[in-house]
Amino acid sequence: MCHVGRKWCESSMVNSVYVVVWRKVSYVIRLGRNCCISTWIAIKRQIHNTNLSNIR
């Protein structure tokens, strides 16, 4: 019984560590994606403005 309890405790510790790591990773991915999207929009806007000024 004690052995089973220790095993469960270890697995729950691993699970909690996994959850924390997963939250951090998903947070970083979300941040990076938002940054990429805003950069991409800025670049597209810049290209659009450049094209407009070239047409004039």
N, C-alpha and C. Protein backbone atom coordinates (compact mmCIF):
# COMPACT_ATOMS: atom_id res chain seq x y z
N MET A 1 0.84 -1.21 0.00
CA MET A 1 0.00 0.00 0.00
C MET A 1 0.87 1.25 0.00
N CYS A 2 1.90 1.24 0.86
CA CYS A 2 2.79 2.40 0.94
C CYS A 2 3.49 2.61 -0.40
N HIS A 3 3.89 1.49 -1.01
CA HIS A 3 4.59 1.57 -2.30
C HIS A 3 3.67 2.18 -3.36
N VAL A 4 2.41 1.75 -3.35
CA VAL A 4 1.45 2.28 -4.32
C VAL A 4 1.25 3.77 -4.08
N GLY A 5 1.15 4.17 -2.81
CA GLY A 5 0.96 5.57 -2.49
C GLY A 5 2.13 6.42 -2.97
N ARG A 6 3.36 5.91 -2.77
CA ARG A 6 4.53 6.66 -3.21
C ARG A 6 4.53 6.79 -4.73
N LYS A 7 4.17 5.71 -5.39
CA LYS A 7 4.11 5.72 -6.85
C LYS A 7 3.11 6.78 -7.32
N TRP A 8 1.95 6.80 -6.68
CA TRP A 8 0.92 7.76 -7.07
C TRP A 8 1.39 9.19 -6.80
N CYS A 9 2.08 9.37 -5.66
CA CYS A 9 2.58 10.70 -5.31
C CYS A 9 3.58 11.16 -6.35
N GLU A 10 4.49 10.27 -6.76
CA GLU A 10 5.47 10.63 -7.77
C GLU A 10 4.79 10.99 -9.08
N SER A 11 3.81 10.20 -9.48
CA SER A 11 3.13 10.46 -10.75
C SER A 11 2.36 11.77 -10.68
N SER A 12 1.75 12.08 -9.53
CA SER A 12 1.01 13.34 -9.42
C SER A 12 1.97 14.53 -9.43
N MET A 13 3.16 14.36 -8.83
CA MET A 13 4.17 15.42 -8.90
C MET A 13 4.59 15.65 -10.34
N VAL A 14 4.83 14.56 -11.06
CA VAL A 14 5.21 14.66 -12.47
C VAL A 14 4.09 15.34 -13.26
N ASN A 15 2.85 14.98 -12.96
CA ASN A 15 1.72 15.58 -13.65
C ASN A 15 1.64 17.08 -13.39
N SER A 16 1.85 17.49 -12.14
CA SER A 16 1.76 18.92 -11.83
C SER A 16 2.89 19.68 -12.51
N VAL A 17 4.09 19.08 -12.53
CA VAL A 17 5.21 19.72 -13.24
C VAL A 17 4.88 19.83 -14.72
N TYR A 18 4.32 18.78 -15.27
CA TYR A 18 3.95 18.76 -16.69
C TYR A 18 2.92 19.85 -16.99
N VAL A 19 1.95 20.01 -16.09
CA VAL A 19 0.91 21.03 -16.28
C VAL A 19 1.53 22.42 -16.26
N VAL A 20 2.43 22.67 -15.31
CA VAL A 20 3.07 23.99 -15.21
C VAL A 20 3.88 24.27 -16.47
N VAL A 21 4.66 23.27 -16.89
CA VAL A 21 5.48 23.45 -18.10
C VAL A 21 4.59 23.69 -19.31
N TRP A 22 3.51 22.93 -19.40
CA TRP A 22 2.61 23.08 -20.55
C TRP A 22 1.98 24.46 -20.57
N ARG A 23 1.60 24.99 -19.38
CA ARG A 23 1.03 26.34 -19.33
C ARG A 23 2.03 27.37 -19.81
N LYS A 24 3.29 27.22 -19.33
CA LYS A 24 4.32 28.18 -19.74
C LYS A 24 4.56 28.10 -21.24
N VAL A 25 4.64 26.88 -21.76
CA VAL A 25 4.90 26.70 -23.19
C VAL A 25 3.76 27.28 -24.02
N SER A 26 2.53 26.99 -23.64
CA SER A 26 1.39 27.50 -24.40
C SER A 26 1.32 29.02 -24.30
N TYR A 27 1.69 29.59 -23.13
CA TYR A 27 1.71 31.04 -22.96
C TYR A 27 2.74 31.67 -23.88
N VAL A 28 3.93 31.05 -23.93
CA VAL A 28 5.00 31.57 -24.80
C VAL A 28 4.59 31.47 -26.27
N ILE A 29 3.97 30.34 -26.62
CA ILE A 29 3.52 30.15 -28.01
C ILE A 29 2.48 31.21 -28.37
N ARG A 30 1.55 31.46 -27.44
CA ARG A 30 0.51 32.46 -27.70
C ARG A 30 1.13 33.85 -27.84
N LEU A 31 2.08 34.18 -26.96
CA LEU A 31 2.77 35.46 -27.05
C LEU A 31 3.48 35.59 -28.38
N GLY A 32 4.22 34.54 -28.75
CA GLY A 32 4.97 34.57 -30.00
C GLY A 32 4.05 34.72 -31.20
N ARG A 33 2.92 34.02 -31.16
CA ARG A 33 1.99 34.09 -32.28
C ARG A 33 1.40 35.49 -32.39
N ASN A 34 1.03 36.10 -31.26
CA ASN A 34 0.49 37.46 -31.28
C ASN A 34 1.53 38.42 -31.83
N CYS A 35 2.79 38.23 -31.39
CA CYS A 35 3.87 39.10 -31.85
C CYS A 35 4.06 38.93 -33.35
N CYS A 36 4.05 37.69 -33.82
CA CYS A 36 4.21 37.42 -35.25
C CYS A 36 3.08 38.06 -36.04
N ILE A 37 1.85 37.92 -35.54
CA ILE A 37 0.69 38.45 -36.25
C ILE A 37 0.77 39.97 -36.33
N SER A 38 1.11 40.63 -35.22
CA SER A 38 1.18 42.09 -35.23
C SER A 38 2.31 42.56 -36.13
N THR A 39 3.44 41.84 -36.12
CA THR A 39 4.56 42.20 -36.99
C THR A 39 4.15 42.03 -38.45
N TRP A 40 3.47 40.93 -38.74
CA TRP A 40 3.03 40.65 -40.11
C TRP A 40 2.06 41.72 -40.59
N ILE A 41 1.13 42.14 -39.71
CA ILE A 41 0.17 43.19 -40.07
C ILE A 41 0.91 44.49 -40.33
N ALA A 42 1.90 44.80 -39.48
CA ALA A 42 2.67 46.04 -39.66
C ALA A 42 3.42 46.01 -40.99
N ILE A 43 4.01 44.86 -41.31
CA ILE A 43 4.75 44.73 -42.58
C ILE A 43 3.79 44.88 -43.76
N LYS A 44 2.63 44.22 -43.67
CA LYS A 44 1.66 44.33 -44.76
C LYS A 44 1.20 45.78 -44.93
N ARG A 45 0.98 46.47 -43.82
CA ARG A 45 0.55 47.86 -43.87
C ARG A 45 1.64 48.72 -44.51
N GLN A 46 2.88 48.43 -44.11
CA GLN A 46 4.02 49.17 -44.65
C GLN A 46 4.10 48.96 -46.17
N ILE A 47 3.96 47.71 -46.60
CA ILE A 47 4.00 47.40 -48.04
C ILE A 47 2.85 48.10 -48.76
N HIS A 48 1.68 48.06 -48.14
CA HIS A 48 0.49 48.69 -48.73
C HIS A 48 0.72 50.19 -48.88
N ASN A 49 1.23 50.84 -47.83
CA ASN A 49 1.50 52.27 -47.89
C ASN A 49 2.54 52.59 -48.94
N THR A 50 3.58 51.75 -49.04
CA THR A 50 4.63 51.97 -50.03
C THR A 50 4.05 51.85 -51.43
N ASN A 51 3.19 50.86 -51.64
CA ASN A 51 2.58 50.70 -52.96
C ASN A 51 1.70 51.90 -53.30
N LEU A 52 0.96 52.40 -52.32
CA LEU A 52 0.11 53.56 -52.56
C LEU A 52 0.95 54.77 -52.93
N SER A 53 2.05 54.98 -52.22
CA SER A 53 2.88 56.15 -52.50
C SER A 53 3.58 55.98 -53.85
N ASN A 54 3.86 54.74 -54.25
CA ASN A 54 4.48 54.52 -55.56
C ASN A 54 3.50 54.80 -56.69
N ILE A 55 2.22 54.49 -56.45
CA ILE A 55 1.20 54.69 -57.48
C ILE A 55 1.00 56.19 -57.73
N ARG A 56 1.03 56.98 -56.66
CA ARG A 56 0.78 58.41 -56.80
C ARG A 56 1.82 59.14 -57.61
